[in-house]
Amino acid sequence: MEVTIAHQNDEIIVSLDGRLDTPVAQEVAEKLEPLKEEAGGTIILDCSALTYISSSGLRIFLSLRKAAAAAGGKVIVRNIDDNIRGIFMMTGFLNLFEIQ
């Protein structure tokens, strides 16, 4: 799993590449933890190269969303494929996030 974080204008773009499953979730959570300090703006989770997300990965997304909501920011999930969309639909995450 590769995570790339870029700052563009007033947005933070997080590109996720690979499988966000339980074995890598802790490492990804640690990489994204500093973003909670900057959660007052817009965080974009670019999932165009994300091939799988487990419940541990979903918790990471939810944690970022909670931090953003508390700071007056927002999290946008972008470019999910049909498999990830299905997981979001089953778990109710489609209603929690702005999906682009």
C-alpha atoms as a PDB file:
ATOM      1  CA  MET A   1       0.000   0.000   0.000  1.00  0.00           C
ATOM      2  CA  GLU A   2       1.389   3.327  -1.029  1.00  0.00           C
ATOM      3  CA  VAL A   3       0.111   6.615   0.363  1.00  0.00           C
ATOM      4  CA  THR A   4       1.019   9.949  -1.215  1.00  0.00           C
ATOM      5  CA  ILE A   5       0.029  13.239   0.392  1.00  0.00           C
ATOM      6  CA  ALA A   6       0.089  16.461  -1.616  1.00  0.00           C
ATOM      7  CA  HIS A   7      -1.005  19.986  -0.757  1.00  0.00           C
ATOM      8  CA  GLN A   8      -2.656  21.843  -3.639  1.00  0.00           C
ATOM      9  CA  ASN A   9      -4.145  25.278  -3.032  1.00  0.00           C
ATOM     10  CA  ASP A  10      -6.466  24.844  -0.049  1.00  0.00           C
ATOM     11  CA  GLU A  11      -6.812  21.075  -0.452  1.00  0.00           C
ATOM     12  CA  ILE A  12      -4.916  18.091   0.833  1.00  0.00           C
ATOM     13  CA  ILE A  13      -4.953  15.244  -1.666  1.00  0.00           C
ATOM     14  CA  VAL A  14      -4.262  11.758  -0.355  1.00  0.00           C
ATOM     15  CA  SER A  15      -3.637   9.191  -3.090  1.00  0.00           C
ATOM     16  CA  LEU A  16      -4.117   5.580  -2.029  1.00  0.00           C
ATOM     17  CA  ASP A  17      -2.546   2.851  -4.149  1.00  0.00           C
ATOM     18  CA  GLY A  18      -3.069  -0.839  -3.405  1.00  0.00           C
ATOM     19  CA  ARG A  19      -5.016  -2.763  -0.791  1.00  0.00           C
ATOM     20  CA  LEU A  20      -6.051  -0.964   2.385  1.00  0.00           C
ATOM     21  CA  ASP A  21      -6.467  -4.110   4.431  1.00  0.00           C
ATOM     22  CA  THR A  22      -5.927  -4.942   8.087  1.00  0.00           C
ATOM     23  CA  PRO A  23      -2.173  -5.719   7.869  1.00  0.00           C
ATOM     24  CA  VAL A  24      -1.350  -2.231   6.492  1.00  0.00           C
ATOM     25  CA  ALA A  25      -4.087  -0.224   8.218  1.00  0.00           C
ATOM     26  CA  GLN A  26      -1.967   0.793  11.229  1.00  0.00           C
ATOM     27  CA  GLU A  27       0.827   2.072   8.987  1.00  0.00           C
ATOM     28  CA  VAL A  28      -1.633   4.047   6.849  1.00  0.00           C
ATOM     29  CA  ALA A  29      -3.357   5.452   9.948  1.00  0.00           C
ATOM     30  CA  GLU A  30       0.006   6.698  11.252  1.00  0.00           C
ATOM     31  CA  LYS A  31       0.771   8.390   7.921  1.00  0.00           C
ATOM     32  CA  LEU A  32      -2.614  10.133   7.898  1.00  0.00           C
ATOM     33  CA  GLU A  33      -2.681  11.094  11.589  1.00  0.00           C
ATOM     34  CA  PRO A  34      -0.970  14.498  11.008  1.00  0.00           C
ATOM     35  CA  LEU A  35      -3.782  15.444   8.615  1.00  0.00           C
ATOM     36  CA  LYS A  36      -6.163  15.656  11.556  1.00  0.00           C
ATOM     37  CA  GLU A  37      -4.312  18.831  12.594  1.00  0.00           C
ATOM     38  CA  GLU A  38      -5.103  20.323   9.161  1.00  0.00           C
ATOM     39  CA  ALA A  39      -8.658  18.989   8.976  1.00  0.00           C
ATOM     40  CA  GLY A  40     -10.266  22.439   8.881  1.00  0.00           C
ATOM     41  CA  GLY A  41      -9.959  22.511   5.101  1.00  0.00           C
ATOM     42  CA  THR A  42     -10.734  19.968   2.423  1.00  0.00           C
ATOM     43  CA  ILE A  43      -9.142  16.530   2.427  1.00  0.00           C
ATOM     44  CA  ILE A  44      -9.554  14.562  -0.780  1.00  0.00           C
ATOM     45  CA  LEU A  45      -9.049  10.816  -0.648  1.00  0.00           C
ATOM     46  CA  ASP A  46      -8.178   9.795  -4.201  1.00  0.00           C
ATOM     47  CA  CYS A  47      -9.067   6.124  -4.499  1.00  0.00           C
ATOM     48  CA  SER A  48      -8.414   5.688  -8.228  1.00  0.00           C
ATOM     49  CA  ALA A  49      -5.666   3.127  -7.475  1.00  0.00           C
ATOM     50  CA  LEU A  50      -7.288   1.638  -4.352  1.00  0.00           C
ATOM     51  CA  THR A  51      -8.128  -1.995  -5.085  1.00  0.00           C
ATOM     52  CA  TYR A  52      -9.632  -3.068  -1.730  1.00  0.00           C
ATOM     53  CA  ILE A  53     -10.663  -1.585   1.600  1.00  0.00           C
ATOM     54  CA  SER A  54     -11.266  -3.552   4.794  1.00  0.00           C
ATOM     55  CA  SER A  55     -13.185  -2.505   7.883  1.00  0.00           C
ATOM     56  CA  SER A  56      -9.872  -1.256   9.311  1.00  0.00           C
ATOM     57  CA  GLY A  57      -9.488   0.994   6.274  1.00  0.00           C
ATOM     58  CA  LEU A  58     -13.052   2.236   6.624  1.00  0.00           C
ATOM     59  CA  ARG A  59     -12.289   3.193  10.236  1.00  0.00           C
ATOM     60  CA  ILE A  60      -9.378   5.333   8.996  1.00  0.00           C
ATOM     61  CA  PHE A  61     -11.701   7.155   6.577  1.00  0.00           C
ATOM     62  CA  LEU A  62     -14.270   7.640   9.350  1.00  0.00           C
ATOM     63  CA  SER A  63     -11.632   8.958  11.760  1.00  0.00           C
ATOM     64  CA  LEU A  64     -10.541  11.573   9.212  1.00  0.00           C
ATOM     65  CA  ARG A  65     -14.167  12.536   8.602  1.00  0.00           C
ATOM     66  CA  LYS A  66     -14.786  13.032  12.329  1.00  0.00           C
ATOM     67  CA  ALA A  67     -11.678  15.202  12.693  1.00  0.00           C
ATOM     68  CA  ALA A  68     -12.688  17.277   9.664  1.00  0.00           C
ATOM     69  CA  ALA A  69     -16.252  17.728  10.903  1.00  0.00           C
ATOM     70  CA  ALA A  70     -15.002  18.853  14.310  1.00  0.00           C
ATOM     71  CA  ALA A  71     -12.664  21.405  12.679  1.00  0.00           C
ATOM     72  CA  GLY A  72     -15.223  22.687  10.161  1.00  0.00           C
ATOM     73  CA  GLY A  73     -13.618  20.912   7.206  1.00  0.00           C
ATOM     74  CA  LYS A  74     -14.722  18.108   4.935  1.00  0.00           C
ATOM     75  CA  VAL A  75     -13.489  14.873   3.409  1.00  0.00           C
ATOM     76  CA  ILE A  76     -14.221  14.038  -0.213  1.00  0.00           C
ATOM     77  CA  VAL A  77     -13.746  10.512  -1.550  1.00  0.00           C
ATOM     78  CA  ARG A  78     -12.859  10.510  -5.217  1.00  0.00           C
ATOM     79  CA  ASN A  79     -12.613   7.896  -7.969  1.00  0.00           C
ATOM     80  CA  ILE A  80     -13.870   4.763  -6.234  1.00  0.00           C
ATOM     81  CA  ASP A  81     -14.390   1.714  -8.413  1.00  0.00           C
ATOM     82  CA  ASP A  82     -17.519  -0.440  -8.395  1.00  0.00           C
ATOM     83  CA  ASN A  83     -16.128  -2.880  -5.807  1.00  0.00           C
ATOM     84  CA  ILE A  84     -15.255  -0.116  -3.342  1.00  0.00           C
ATOM     85  CA  ARG A  85     -18.591   1.584  -4.075  1.00  0.00           C
ATOM     86  CA  GLY A  86     -20.327  -1.687  -3.168  1.00  0.00           C
ATOM     87  CA  ILE A  87     -18.487  -1.807   0.152  1.00  0.00           C
ATOM     88  CA  PHE A  88     -19.416   1.819   0.816  1.00  0.00           C
ATOM     89  CA  MET A  89     -23.039   1.054  -0.024  1.00  0.00           C
ATOM     90  CA  MET A  90     -23.217  -1.999   2.264  1.00  0.00           C
ATOM     91  CA  THR A  91     -21.670  -0.130   5.185  1.00  0.00           C
ATOM     92  CA  GLY A  92     -23.602   3.121   4.772  1.00  0.00           C
ATOM     93  CA  PHE A  93     -20.465   5.108   3.949  1.00  0.00           C
ATOM     94  CA  LEU A  94     -22.045   6.444   0.745  1.00  0.00           C
ATOM     95  CA  ASN A  95     -24.251   8.567   3.002  1.00  0.00           C
ATOM     96  CA  LEU A  96     -21.342   9.741   5.186  1.00  0.00           C
ATOM     97  CA  PHE A  97     -19.004  11.065   2.520  1.00  0.00           C
ATOM     98  CA  GLU A  98     -19.177  13.296  -0.498  1.00  0.00           C
ATOM     99  CA  ILE A  99     -18.315  10.926  -3.365  1.00  0.00           C
ATOM    100  CA  GLN A 100     -16.920  12.320  -6.605  1.00  0.00           C
END
